[in-house]
Amino acid sequence: MRNIIKQVYEKILLKSSLESRTRYLRKQGVKIGHDCIISTMSFSTEPYLVEIGNEVRISGDTQFITHDGSLKCFQNEIDGEIFGKIKIGNNVFIGSSSIILLNTNIGDNCIIGAGSVVRGNFPENSVIVGNPAKVILSMNIQKMLFRNNIGLVKTKNLSQKEKDNLIKKHFGIL
C-alpha cells in the first residue's frame, strides 16, 4: 500500500512545480545542483546513489537504475546484490526515455540522445546516443549542426504567442 501511495504522489509531483519536485527528490537522497529541470521521478530504489550537477535538463520518462537485478538469476550461488553510483556533470541534457545505468559518469557539457541506454564513463563535451550509448560527436560539431539546421527558429525572449506565430510563419502554416 505504501508503494502505491508513493507512486501516486510521484505522478502528482510530475504535474506540480519544479521546486516541489526538486525538494522531494533531494529528500529521497538525490544530490541535485542548481538551475536543474527534472521531468522524471524514476530514480530507482537507491536515489541516494545519484548525483546531478548544475544546469542539467532531464526529459520525461528517463530512468536512473542504480542496481543490477539480474543477479537474482544466481541467487543460490551469489549472496548479495550489486549497486553502483550515477554521476551527471554540469550543463547536461538528457533526452526523453533514456536509461542511465549504474556505474555511469557523464562529463560536463554533454547531450544524451532520446532513448539512449547509457552505462560507463563519458568525457565532457560529448554527444552520446544509442543502445548501447556511444559518443558520436563533439559538442563543437553539434553546435555547428544546430546553427545550420533549417529548423532553427530564433525564439529567445519571446512570449509563447510570439513564439508560436514565428514557428508557424517559419513553416508556412499562417
N, C-alpha and C. Protein backbone atom coordinates (compact mmCIF):
# COMPACT_ATOMS: atom_id res chain seq x y z
N MET A 1 0.82 -1.19 0.00
CA MET A 1 0.00 0.00 0.00
C MET A 1 0.87 1.26 0.00
N ARG A 2 1.93 1.24 0.81
CA ARG A 2 2.84 2.39 0.90
C ARG A 2 3.46 2.69 -0.47
N ASN A 3 3.83 1.64 -1.21
CA ASN A 3 4.43 1.81 -2.53
C ASN A 3 3.44 2.44 -3.52
N ILE A 4 2.19 2.06 -3.43
CA ILE A 4 1.15 2.63 -4.30
C ILE A 4 0.96 4.11 -4.00
N ILE A 5 0.92 4.46 -2.74
CA ILE A 5 0.77 5.87 -2.34
C ILE A 5 1.96 6.68 -2.85
N LYS A 6 3.17 6.12 -2.74
CA LYS A 6 4.37 6.80 -3.24
C LYS A 6 4.28 7.02 -4.75
N GLN A 7 3.83 6.02 -5.49
CA GLN A 7 3.70 6.14 -6.95
C GLN A 7 2.69 7.21 -7.33
N VAL A 8 1.57 7.26 -6.64
CA VAL A 8 0.55 8.29 -6.91
C VAL A 8 1.11 9.67 -6.60
N TYR A 9 1.79 9.80 -5.47
CA TYR A 9 2.38 11.08 -5.07
C TYR A 9 3.40 11.55 -6.12
N GLU A 10 4.23 10.64 -6.62
CA GLU A 10 5.23 10.99 -7.62
C GLU A 10 4.57 11.41 -8.94
N LYS A 11 3.45 10.78 -9.29
CA LYS A 11 2.70 11.20 -10.50
C LYS A 11 2.19 12.63 -10.32
N ILE A 12 1.70 12.94 -9.14
CA ILE A 12 1.22 14.30 -8.85
C ILE A 12 2.38 15.29 -8.92
N LEU A 13 3.55 14.90 -8.38
CA LEU A 13 4.71 15.78 -8.40
C LEU A 13 5.16 16.11 -9.83
N LEU A 14 4.98 15.18 -10.76
CA LEU A 14 5.35 15.45 -12.15
C LEU A 14 4.51 16.58 -12.74
N LYS A 15 3.32 16.78 -12.21
CA LYS A 15 2.43 17.86 -12.67
C LYS A 15 2.60 19.13 -11.84
N SER A 16 3.33 19.04 -10.74
CA SER A 16 3.47 20.20 -9.84
C SER A 16 4.70 21.02 -10.20
N SER A 17 5.04 21.95 -9.35
CA SER A 17 6.15 22.87 -9.63
C SER A 17 7.50 22.15 -9.61
N LEU A 18 8.42 22.73 -10.34
CA LEU A 18 9.78 22.23 -10.38
C LEU A 18 10.41 22.23 -8.99
N GLU A 19 10.11 23.27 -8.21
CA GLU A 19 10.67 23.38 -6.86
C GLU A 19 10.19 22.24 -5.97
N SER A 20 8.89 21.90 -6.07
CA SER A 20 8.34 20.80 -5.26
C SER A 20 9.00 19.48 -5.63
N ARG A 21 9.16 19.26 -6.93
CA ARG A 21 9.76 18.02 -7.42
C ARG A 21 11.22 17.93 -6.93
N THR A 22 11.96 19.01 -7.08
CA THR A 22 13.38 19.02 -6.67
C THR A 22 13.51 18.80 -5.17
N ARG A 23 12.68 19.46 -4.39
CA ARG A 23 12.70 19.31 -2.93
C ARG A 23 12.44 17.85 -2.54
N TYR A 24 11.44 17.22 -3.17
CA TYR A 24 11.11 15.82 -2.88
C TYR A 24 12.29 14.91 -3.23
N LEU A 25 12.88 15.10 -4.42
CA LEU A 25 13.99 14.24 -4.84
C LEU A 25 15.19 14.40 -3.92
N ARG A 26 15.45 15.62 -3.48
CA ARG A 26 16.54 15.83 -2.52
C ARG A 26 16.26 15.11 -1.20
N LYS A 27 15.00 15.14 -0.77
CA LYS A 27 14.63 14.41 0.46
C LYS A 27 14.86 12.91 0.31
N GLN A 28 14.68 12.41 -0.92
CA GLN A 28 14.90 10.99 -1.20
C GLN A 28 16.39 10.64 -1.26
N GLY A 29 17.24 11.69 -1.32
CA GLY A 29 18.69 11.47 -1.31
C GLY A 29 19.40 11.82 -2.60
N VAL A 30 18.67 12.18 -3.66
CA VAL A 30 19.33 12.57 -4.91
C VAL A 30 20.07 13.89 -4.67
N LYS A 31 21.33 13.93 -5.05
CA LYS A 31 22.11 15.17 -4.95
C LYS A 31 21.86 15.95 -6.24
N ILE A 32 21.30 17.15 -6.12
CA ILE A 32 20.90 17.95 -7.28
C ILE A 32 21.52 19.33 -7.17
N GLY A 33 22.22 19.74 -8.22
CA GLY A 33 22.83 21.07 -8.26
C GLY A 33 21.77 22.15 -8.48
N HIS A 34 22.20 23.35 -8.83
CA HIS A 34 21.28 24.46 -9.02
C HIS A 34 20.84 24.58 -10.48
N ASP A 35 19.69 25.23 -10.68
CA ASP A 35 19.12 25.52 -12.00
C ASP A 35 18.92 24.27 -12.85
N CYS A 36 18.42 23.20 -12.26
CA CYS A 36 18.13 21.97 -12.99
C CYS A 36 16.64 21.89 -13.31
N ILE A 37 16.32 21.26 -14.41
CA ILE A 37 14.93 20.96 -14.76
C ILE A 37 14.84 19.45 -14.89
N ILE A 38 14.09 18.84 -13.98
CA ILE A 38 13.99 17.38 -13.93
C ILE A 38 12.54 16.99 -14.18
N SER A 39 12.31 16.28 -15.28
CA SER A 39 10.95 15.91 -15.69
C SER A 39 10.72 14.41 -15.56
N THR A 40 11.35 13.79 -14.59
CA THR A 40 11.15 12.37 -14.31
C THR A 40 11.16 12.17 -12.80
N MET A 41 10.56 11.10 -12.36
CA MET A 41 10.60 10.75 -10.94
C MET A 41 11.21 9.35 -10.76
N SER A 42 11.78 8.79 -11.81
CA SER A 42 12.27 7.42 -11.79
C SER A 42 13.76 7.38 -11.41
N PHE A 43 14.00 7.34 -10.09
CA PHE A 43 15.36 7.35 -9.56
C PHE A 43 15.67 6.07 -8.80
N SER A 44 15.16 4.96 -9.27
CA SER A 44 15.49 3.64 -8.74
C SER A 44 15.16 3.52 -7.26
N THR A 45 15.59 2.44 -6.68
CA THR A 45 15.31 2.20 -5.27
C THR A 45 16.42 2.74 -4.36
N GLU A 46 17.48 3.26 -4.98
CA GLU A 46 18.59 3.85 -4.22
C GLU A 46 18.88 5.25 -4.77
N PRO A 47 17.94 6.18 -4.61
CA PRO A 47 18.14 7.51 -5.18
C PRO A 47 19.36 8.24 -4.63
N TYR A 48 19.80 7.85 -3.45
CA TYR A 48 20.97 8.47 -2.82
C TYR A 48 22.27 8.13 -3.55
N LEU A 49 22.22 7.24 -4.54
CA LEU A 49 23.40 6.91 -5.34
C LEU A 49 23.48 7.77 -6.61
N VAL A 50 22.56 8.72 -6.77
CA VAL A 50 22.52 9.57 -7.97
C VAL A 50 22.96 10.99 -7.61
N GLU A 51 23.87 11.52 -8.41
CA GLU A 51 24.35 12.90 -8.24
C GLU A 51 24.20 13.64 -9.56
N ILE A 52 23.53 14.79 -9.51
CA ILE A 52 23.25 15.59 -10.70
C ILE A 52 23.90 16.95 -10.51
N GLY A 53 24.66 17.39 -11.52
CA GLY A 53 25.36 18.67 -11.45
C GLY A 53 24.43 19.86 -11.61
N ASN A 54 25.00 21.00 -11.94
CA ASN A 54 24.27 22.25 -12.14
C ASN A 54 23.77 22.37 -13.58
N GLU A 55 22.64 23.06 -13.74
CA GLU A 55 22.08 23.37 -15.05
C GLU A 55 21.88 22.13 -15.91
N VAL A 56 21.35 21.08 -15.32
CA VAL A 56 21.07 19.82 -16.01
C VAL A 56 19.60 19.78 -16.38
N ARG A 57 19.30 19.30 -17.58
CA ARG A 57 17.93 19.14 -18.07
C ARG A 57 17.69 17.66 -18.31
N ILE A 58 16.69 17.09 -17.61
CA ILE A 58 16.37 15.67 -17.74
C ILE A 58 14.95 15.56 -18.25
N SER A 59 14.79 15.00 -19.45
CA SER A 59 13.48 14.89 -20.08
C SER A 59 12.64 13.77 -19.46
N GLY A 60 11.36 13.80 -19.79
CA GLY A 60 10.41 12.84 -19.24
C GLY A 60 10.71 11.40 -19.62
N ASP A 61 10.24 10.51 -18.79
CA ASP A 61 10.38 9.06 -18.95
C ASP A 61 11.82 8.55 -18.87
N THR A 62 12.74 9.40 -18.45
CA THR A 62 14.11 8.95 -18.23
C THR A 62 14.15 8.15 -16.94
N GLN A 63 14.95 7.08 -16.94
CA GLN A 63 15.08 6.23 -15.77
C GLN A 63 16.53 6.19 -15.30
N PHE A 64 16.71 6.24 -13.99
CA PHE A 64 18.03 6.06 -13.38
C PHE A 64 17.97 4.73 -12.63
N ILE A 65 18.85 3.81 -13.00
CA ILE A 65 18.85 2.47 -12.40
C ILE A 65 20.18 2.26 -11.70
N THR A 66 20.13 2.12 -10.37
CA THR A 66 21.34 2.06 -9.55
C THR A 66 21.67 0.66 -9.04
N HIS A 67 20.99 -0.34 -9.54
CA HIS A 67 21.28 -1.71 -9.11
C HIS A 67 21.15 -2.64 -10.30
N ASP A 68 21.71 -3.84 -10.16
CA ASP A 68 21.63 -4.85 -11.22
C ASP A 68 20.78 -5.99 -10.72
N GLY A 69 19.52 -5.99 -11.12
CA GLY A 69 18.57 -7.01 -10.67
C GLY A 69 18.82 -8.38 -11.27
N SER A 70 19.63 -8.46 -12.34
CA SER A 70 19.85 -9.76 -12.98
C SER A 70 20.66 -10.71 -12.11
N LEU A 71 21.25 -10.20 -11.05
CA LEU A 71 21.98 -11.05 -10.12
C LEU A 71 21.06 -12.11 -9.50
N LYS A 72 19.76 -11.82 -9.49
CA LYS A 72 18.79 -12.78 -8.93
C LYS A 72 18.85 -14.13 -9.64
N CYS A 73 19.33 -14.14 -10.89
CA CYS A 73 19.47 -15.41 -11.62
C CYS A 73 20.47 -16.34 -10.93
N PHE A 74 21.32 -15.77 -10.07
CA PHE A 74 22.34 -16.54 -9.37
C PHE A 74 22.11 -16.53 -7.87
N GLN A 75 20.84 -16.37 -7.46
CA GLN A 75 20.54 -16.21 -6.04
C GLN A 75 21.00 -17.38 -5.18
N ASN A 76 21.11 -18.57 -5.74
CA ASN A 76 21.57 -19.71 -4.96
C ASN A 76 23.09 -19.82 -4.93
N GLU A 77 23.77 -19.03 -5.77
CA GLU A 77 25.23 -19.12 -5.88
C GLU A 77 25.97 -17.88 -5.37
N ILE A 78 25.31 -16.74 -5.45
CA ILE A 78 25.96 -15.48 -5.04
C ILE A 78 25.08 -14.82 -3.99
N ASP A 79 25.68 -14.55 -2.86
CA ASP A 79 24.95 -13.94 -1.76
C ASP A 79 25.19 -12.44 -1.75
N GLY A 80 24.20 -11.67 -2.15
CA GLY A 80 24.33 -10.22 -2.15
C GLY A 80 23.66 -9.58 -3.35
N GLU A 81 23.88 -8.28 -3.49
CA GLU A 81 23.31 -7.51 -4.60
C GLU A 81 24.38 -6.57 -5.13
N ILE A 82 24.22 -6.12 -6.37
CA ILE A 82 25.17 -5.21 -6.99
C ILE A 82 24.54 -3.83 -7.14
N PHE A 83 25.26 -2.81 -6.69
CA PHE A 83 24.81 -1.42 -6.78
C PHE A 83 25.91 -0.59 -7.40
N GLY A 84 25.55 0.58 -7.90
CA GLY A 84 26.55 1.48 -8.44
C GLY A 84 26.03 2.91 -8.49
N LYS A 85 26.96 3.85 -8.42
CA LYS A 85 26.60 5.26 -8.46
C LYS A 85 26.37 5.73 -9.89
N ILE A 86 25.64 6.83 -9.99
CA ILE A 86 25.45 7.54 -11.25
C ILE A 86 25.81 8.99 -10.99
N LYS A 87 26.68 9.55 -11.83
CA LYS A 87 27.07 10.95 -11.68
C LYS A 87 26.90 11.66 -13.02
N ILE A 88 26.10 12.73 -12.97
CA ILE A 88 25.85 13.56 -14.15
C ILE A 88 26.56 14.89 -13.93
N GLY A 89 27.37 15.32 -14.90
CA GLY A 89 28.12 16.57 -14.78
C GLY A 89 27.23 17.79 -14.93
N ASN A 90 27.85 18.94 -15.08
CA ASN A 90 27.16 20.22 -15.25
C ASN A 90 26.78 20.44 -16.71
N ASN A 91 25.69 21.19 -16.91
CA ASN A 91 25.25 21.56 -18.26
C ASN A 91 25.08 20.34 -19.16
N VAL A 92 24.26 19.40 -18.70
CA VAL A 92 23.98 18.17 -19.45
C VAL A 92 22.51 18.14 -19.80
N PHE A 93 22.20 17.70 -21.03
CA PHE A 93 20.82 17.49 -21.46
C PHE A 93 20.63 15.99 -21.67
N ILE A 94 19.59 15.42 -21.06
CA ILE A 94 19.27 14.00 -21.22
C ILE A 94 17.92 13.91 -21.92
N GLY A 95 17.89 13.33 -23.12
CA GLY A 95 16.68 13.22 -23.92
C GLY A 95 15.67 12.24 -23.37
N SER A 96 14.44 12.37 -23.84
CA SER A 96 13.31 11.55 -23.39
C SER A 96 13.59 10.06 -23.45
N SER A 97 13.06 9.36 -22.47
CA SER A 97 13.08 7.89 -22.40
C SER A 97 14.48 7.29 -22.39
N SER A 98 15.46 8.04 -21.94
CA SER A 98 16.80 7.48 -21.80
C SER A 98 16.85 6.65 -20.53
N ILE A 99 17.78 5.71 -20.50
CA ILE A 99 18.01 4.88 -19.33
C ILE A 99 19.47 5.07 -18.93
N ILE A 100 19.69 5.53 -17.71
CA ILE A 100 21.04 5.74 -17.19
C ILE A 100 21.30 4.63 -16.18
N LEU A 101 22.25 3.77 -16.48
CA LEU A 101 22.52 2.60 -15.66
C LEU A 101 23.60 2.85 -14.61
N LEU A 102 23.65 1.96 -13.64
CA LEU A 102 24.63 2.04 -12.56
C LEU A 102 26.05 2.14 -13.10
N ASN A 103 26.91 2.71 -12.29
CA ASN A 103 28.33 2.88 -12.63
C ASN A 103 28.53 3.73 -13.87
N THR A 104 27.76 4.82 -13.95
CA THR A 104 27.86 5.73 -15.10
C THR A 104 28.31 7.10 -14.63
N ASN A 105 29.23 7.68 -15.38
CA ASN A 105 29.75 9.01 -15.17
C ASN A 105 29.62 9.77 -16.48
N ILE A 106 28.86 10.85 -16.48
CA ILE A 106 28.72 11.67 -17.69
C ILE A 106 29.39 13.01 -17.39
N GLY A 107 30.35 13.39 -18.23
CA GLY A 107 31.11 14.62 -18.03
C GLY A 107 30.27 15.86 -18.25
N ASP A 108 30.85 17.02 -18.02
CA ASP A 108 30.19 18.31 -18.23
C ASP A 108 29.90 18.54 -19.71
N ASN A 109 28.89 19.37 -19.98
CA ASN A 109 28.57 19.83 -21.33
C ASN A 109 28.32 18.68 -22.31
N CYS A 110 27.37 17.81 -21.97
CA CYS A 110 27.04 16.68 -22.83
C CYS A 110 25.57 16.68 -23.21
N ILE A 111 25.29 16.06 -24.33
CA ILE A 111 23.91 15.80 -24.76
C ILE A 111 23.75 14.29 -24.85
N ILE A 112 22.69 13.77 -24.22
CA ILE A 112 22.34 12.36 -24.32
C ILE A 112 21.10 12.29 -25.21
N GLY A 113 21.18 11.58 -26.32
CA GLY A 113 20.06 11.48 -27.26
C GLY A 113 18.90 10.71 -26.67
N ALA A 114 17.70 11.04 -27.12
CA ALA A 114 16.48 10.38 -26.66
C ALA A 114 16.58 8.86 -26.85
N GLY A 115 16.11 8.12 -25.85
CA GLY A 115 16.06 6.67 -25.93
C GLY A 115 17.40 5.97 -25.75
N SER A 116 18.43 6.68 -25.37
CA SER A 116 19.75 6.07 -25.21
C SER A 116 19.80 5.23 -23.93
N VAL A 117 20.59 4.17 -23.98
CA VAL A 117 20.85 3.35 -22.80
C VAL A 117 22.33 3.56 -22.46
N VAL A 118 22.57 4.25 -21.33
CA VAL A 118 23.89 4.78 -21.03
C VAL A 118 24.51 4.05 -19.84
N ARG A 119 25.72 3.54 -20.07
CA ARG A 119 26.47 2.92 -18.98
C ARG A 119 27.96 3.09 -19.26
N GLY A 120 28.68 3.56 -18.27
CA GLY A 120 30.12 3.72 -18.41
C GLY A 120 30.55 5.15 -18.17
N ASN A 121 31.75 5.47 -18.59
CA ASN A 121 32.34 6.79 -18.41
C ASN A 121 32.36 7.53 -19.74
N PHE A 122 31.80 8.74 -19.74
CA PHE A 122 31.71 9.53 -20.96
C PHE A 122 32.38 10.88 -20.73
N PRO A 123 33.27 11.28 -21.65
CA PRO A 123 34.01 12.53 -21.45
C PRO A 123 33.14 13.77 -21.64
N GLU A 124 33.62 14.88 -21.11
CA GLU A 124 32.90 16.15 -21.28
C GLU A 124 32.86 16.52 -22.76
N ASN A 125 31.92 17.42 -23.09
CA ASN A 125 31.76 17.95 -24.44
C ASN A 125 31.47 16.88 -25.48
N SER A 126 30.61 15.91 -25.09
CA SER A 126 30.27 14.80 -25.98
C SER A 126 28.78 14.76 -26.28
N VAL A 127 28.47 14.29 -27.49
CA VAL A 127 27.09 13.94 -27.85
C VAL A 127 27.04 12.43 -27.81
N ILE A 128 26.14 11.89 -26.99
CA ILE A 128 26.11 10.46 -26.68
C ILE A 128 24.74 9.91 -27.07
N VAL A 129 24.70 8.89 -27.91
CA VAL A 129 23.42 8.33 -28.35
C VAL A 129 23.51 6.82 -28.54
N GLY A 130 22.34 6.18 -28.53
CA GLY A 130 22.24 4.78 -28.92
C GLY A 130 22.02 3.80 -27.79
N ASN A 131 21.96 2.53 -28.19
CA ASN A 131 21.80 1.42 -27.28
C ASN A 131 22.70 0.28 -27.78
N PRO A 132 23.86 0.09 -27.16
CA PRO A 132 24.40 0.86 -26.05
C PRO A 132 24.86 2.24 -26.53
N ALA A 133 24.82 3.20 -25.63
CA ALA A 133 25.18 4.58 -25.96
C ALA A 133 26.67 4.69 -26.25
N LYS A 134 26.97 5.53 -27.26
CA LYS A 134 28.35 5.80 -27.65
C LYS A 134 28.50 7.29 -27.93
N VAL A 135 29.71 7.78 -27.82
CA VAL A 135 30.00 9.16 -28.22
C VAL A 135 30.01 9.18 -29.74
N ILE A 136 29.19 10.08 -30.33
CA ILE A 136 29.15 10.15 -31.79
C ILE A 136 29.70 11.47 -32.34
N LEU A 137 29.70 12.51 -31.53
CA LEU A 137 30.16 13.83 -31.96
C LEU A 137 30.74 14.59 -30.77
N SER A 138 31.49 15.62 -31.10
CA SER A 138 31.87 16.58 -30.06
C SER A 138 30.79 17.65 -30.00
N MET A 139 30.72 18.36 -28.91
CA MET A 139 29.73 19.44 -28.78
C MET A 139 30.00 20.56 -29.79
N ASN A 140 31.25 20.80 -30.17
CA ASN A 140 31.55 21.83 -31.17
C ASN A 140 30.91 21.50 -32.52
N ILE A 141 30.98 20.26 -32.93
CA ILE A 141 30.35 19.86 -34.19
C ILE A 141 28.84 19.95 -34.06
N GLN A 142 28.28 19.52 -32.91
CA GLN A 142 26.83 19.61 -32.71
C GLN A 142 26.36 21.06 -32.77
N LYS A 143 27.13 21.98 -32.17
CA LYS A 143 26.77 23.39 -32.20
C LYS A 143 26.71 23.90 -33.64
N MET A 144 27.68 23.51 -34.46
CA MET A 144 27.68 23.89 -35.87
C MET A 144 26.45 23.33 -36.59
N LEU A 145 26.12 22.08 -36.30
CA LEU A 145 24.94 21.47 -36.92
C LEU A 145 23.66 22.19 -36.51
N PHE A 146 23.54 22.57 -35.23
CA PHE A 146 22.37 23.33 -34.77
C PHE A 146 22.28 24.68 -35.48
N ARG A 147 23.41 25.38 -35.58
CA ARG A 147 23.41 26.72 -36.20
C ARG A 147 23.00 26.68 -37.67
N ASN A 148 23.25 25.55 -38.34
CA ASN A 148 22.95 25.43 -39.76
C ASN A 148 21.69 24.62 -40.05
N ASN A 149 20.94 24.29 -39.02
CA ASN A 149 19.73 23.47 -39.17
C ASN A 149 18.59 24.31 -39.75
N ILE A 150 17.88 23.79 -40.76
CA ILE A 150 16.79 24.54 -41.38
C ILE A 150 15.61 24.74 -40.42
N GLY A 151 15.58 23.98 -39.35
CA GLY A 151 14.52 24.12 -38.36
C GLY A 151 14.82 25.13 -37.26
N LEU A 152 15.99 25.78 -37.32
CA LEU A 152 16.36 26.75 -36.29
C LEU A 152 15.47 27.99 -36.40
N VAL A 153 14.75 28.28 -35.33
CA VAL A 153 13.90 29.47 -35.24
C VAL A 153 14.36 30.23 -34.01
N LYS A 154 14.73 31.49 -34.19
CA LYS A 154 15.27 32.29 -33.07
C LYS A 154 14.12 32.79 -32.20
N THR A 155 13.91 32.13 -31.07
CA THR A 155 12.77 32.39 -30.19
C THR A 155 13.15 32.98 -28.85
N LYS A 156 14.41 33.31 -28.65
CA LYS A 156 14.87 33.81 -27.35
C LYS A 156 14.11 35.06 -26.95
N ASN A 157 13.64 35.07 -25.70
CA ASN A 157 12.94 36.21 -25.09
C ASN A 157 11.57 36.51 -25.73
N LEU A 158 10.98 35.57 -26.43
CA LEU A 158 9.65 35.78 -27.00
C LEU A 158 8.59 35.18 -26.08
N SER A 159 7.41 35.76 -26.08
CA SER A 159 6.29 35.16 -25.35
C SER A 159 5.88 33.88 -26.10
N GLN A 160 5.07 33.05 -25.44
CA GLN A 160 4.63 31.82 -26.09
C GLN A 160 3.84 32.13 -27.37
N LYS A 161 3.00 33.16 -27.33
CA LYS A 161 2.21 33.53 -28.51
C LYS A 161 3.12 34.00 -29.65
N GLU A 162 4.09 34.84 -29.33
CA GLU A 162 5.03 35.31 -30.35
C GLU A 162 5.84 34.13 -30.92
N LYS A 163 6.23 33.24 -30.05
CA LYS A 163 6.99 32.06 -30.45
C LYS A 163 6.15 31.20 -31.41
N ASP A 164 4.90 30.92 -31.03
CA ASP A 164 4.01 30.12 -31.89
C ASP A 164 3.84 30.75 -33.25
N ASN A 165 3.63 32.06 -33.28
CA ASN A 165 3.45 32.77 -34.56
C ASN A 165 4.70 32.68 -35.43
N LEU A 166 5.87 32.84 -34.82
CA LEU A 166 7.12 32.78 -35.57
C LEU A 166 7.35 31.37 -36.11
N ILE A 167 7.07 30.35 -35.32
CA ILE A 167 7.24 28.97 -35.77
C ILE A 167 6.28 28.67 -36.93
N LYS A 168 5.03 29.10 -36.80
CA LYS A 168 4.06 28.89 -37.88
C LYS A 168 4.50 29.60 -39.16
N LYS A 169 5.01 30.80 -39.03
CA LYS A 169 5.48 31.54 -40.20
C LYS A 169 6.67 30.82 -40.83
N HIS A 170 7.60 30.34 -39.99
CA HIS A 170 8.79 29.65 -40.47
C HIS A 170 8.41 28.43 -41.31
N PHE A 171 7.37 27.72 -40.88
CA PHE A 171 6.96 26.51 -41.57
C PHE A 171 5.80 26.72 -42.54
N GLY A 172 5.44 27.98 -42.79
CA GLY A 172 4.41 28.31 -43.77
C GLY A 172 3.01 27.86 -43.37
N ILE A 173 2.73 27.90 -42.08
CA ILE A 173 1.42 27.44 -41.57
C ILE A 173 0.44 28.59 -41.47
N LEU A 174 0.87 29.84 -41.41
CA LEU A 174 -0.02 31.00 -41.28
C LEU A 174 -0.85 31.22 -42.51
